[in-house]
Amino acid sequence: MKLYLLTRTDQVGYDEFVSFVVCAKSKTEALTIHPAYTLKYPKFNTGEGTCPSWAPKNIKIEYLGEAAPHLCVVCVICSSFNAG
């Protein structure tokens, strides 16, 4: 598994996610994950439960490195949210 930093490149408003770090198998998979990875908003590309506070069209993605061996599932490590 790999670690990626995803950051919005558009203007971030109040009550919106700014960025997050995700553990995923690939860059492609990382781009489908929502920063509040939950059952309600698991992924963007399913066509279900998309959240307006994350804009997948305006994302910069950076590879950070390999995840620790015990991180063998897709997960959000941390996220930044602009709560005002």
Protein backbone atom coordinates (compact mmCIF):
# COMPACT_ATOMS: atom_id res chain seq x y z
CA MET A 1 0.00 0.00 0.00
CA LYS A 2 1.09 3.54 -0.73
CA LEU A 3 0.53 6.91 0.95
CA TYR A 4 -0.78 9.87 -1.04
CA LEU A 5 -1.49 13.49 -0.16
CA LEU A 6 -4.52 14.89 -1.98
CA THR A 7 -4.98 18.66 -1.94
CA ARG A 8 -7.66 20.84 -3.49
CA THR A 9 -6.28 23.35 -5.98
CA ASP A 10 -9.38 25.52 -6.21
CA GLN A 11 -10.56 28.06 -3.63
CA VAL A 12 -11.65 26.38 -0.42
CA GLY A 13 -14.64 27.82 1.37
CA TYR A 14 -16.18 27.45 4.79
CA ASP A 15 -17.12 23.88 5.81
CA GLU A 16 -15.04 22.23 3.10
CA PHE A 17 -12.14 19.78 3.09
CA VAL A 18 -8.76 21.21 2.12
CA SER A 19 -6.58 18.08 1.92
CA PHE A 20 -6.02 14.59 3.27
CA VAL A 21 -3.58 11.70 3.39
CA VAL A 22 -4.83 8.31 2.23
CA CYS A 23 -3.45 4.79 2.20
CA ALA A 24 -4.37 3.16 -1.13
CA LYS A 25 -3.11 0.58 -3.62
CA SER A 26 -2.63 3.10 -6.41
CA LYS A 27 -2.94 6.73 -7.43
CA THR A 28 -6.12 5.84 -9.31
CA GLU A 29 -7.68 4.30 -6.21
CA ALA A 30 -6.55 7.23 -4.03
CA LEU A 31 -8.44 9.62 -6.31
CA THR A 32 -11.71 7.77 -5.63
CA ILE A 33 -11.52 8.05 -1.84
CA HIS A 34 -13.45 10.71 0.06
CA PRO A 35 -11.58 12.57 2.84
CA ALA A 36 -14.33 11.65 5.32
CA TYR A 37 -14.17 8.00 4.25
CA THR A 38 -17.35 6.58 5.80
CA LEU A 39 -20.20 4.34 4.76
CA LYS A 40 -22.13 7.44 3.70
CA TYR A 41 -19.34 8.78 1.45
CA PRO A 42 -17.08 5.82 0.69
CA LYS A 43 -15.90 6.73 -2.80
CA PHE A 44 -16.66 9.23 -5.53
CA ASN A 45 -16.68 7.05 -8.61
CA THR A 46 -19.61 4.89 -7.49
CA GLY A 47 -22.07 7.64 -8.38
CA GLU A 48 -23.53 7.43 -4.87
CA GLY A 49 -23.18 9.67 -1.85
CA THR A 50 -20.90 12.31 -3.30
CA CYS A 51 -20.23 15.18 -0.95
CA PRO A 52 -20.12 18.82 -2.12
CA SER A 53 -17.24 19.67 0.21
CA TRP A 54 -14.74 17.76 -1.92
CA ALA A 55 -14.09 18.49 -5.59
CA PRO A 56 -12.31 15.57 -7.28
CA LYS A 57 -11.79 17.55 -10.50
CA ASN A 58 -9.54 20.05 -8.71
CA ILE A 59 -7.07 17.83 -6.90
CA LYS A 60 -3.28 17.72 -6.75
CA ILE A 61 -1.99 14.30 -5.73
CA GLU A 62 1.47 13.62 -4.33
CA TYR A 63 3.03 10.23 -3.64
CA LEU A 64 4.47 10.26 -0.10
CA GLY A 65 5.92 6.75 0.11
CA GLU A 66 5.15 3.21 1.16
CA ALA A 67 2.76 2.60 4.06
CA ALA A 68 3.79 0.62 7.13
CA PRO A 69 3.24 -3.13 6.64
CA HIS A 70 0.31 -3.23 9.09
CA LEU A 71 -1.63 -0.71 6.94
CA CYS A 72 -3.04 -3.22 4.49
CA VAL A 73 -6.46 -1.62 3.92
CA VAL A 74 -7.63 1.54 2.22
CA CYS A 75 -7.97 4.25 4.87
CA VAL A 76 -7.74 7.97 5.48
CA ILE A 77 -4.78 8.76 7.74
CA CYS A 78 -5.68 12.40 8.42
CA SER A 79 -7.60 15.25 6.81
CA SER A 80 -7.74 19.03 6.92
CA PHE A 81 -11.18 20.66 7.10
CA ASN A 82 -11.85 24.41 6.93
CA ALA A 83 -14.40 24.89 9.69
CA GLY A 84 -13.97 28.64 9.65
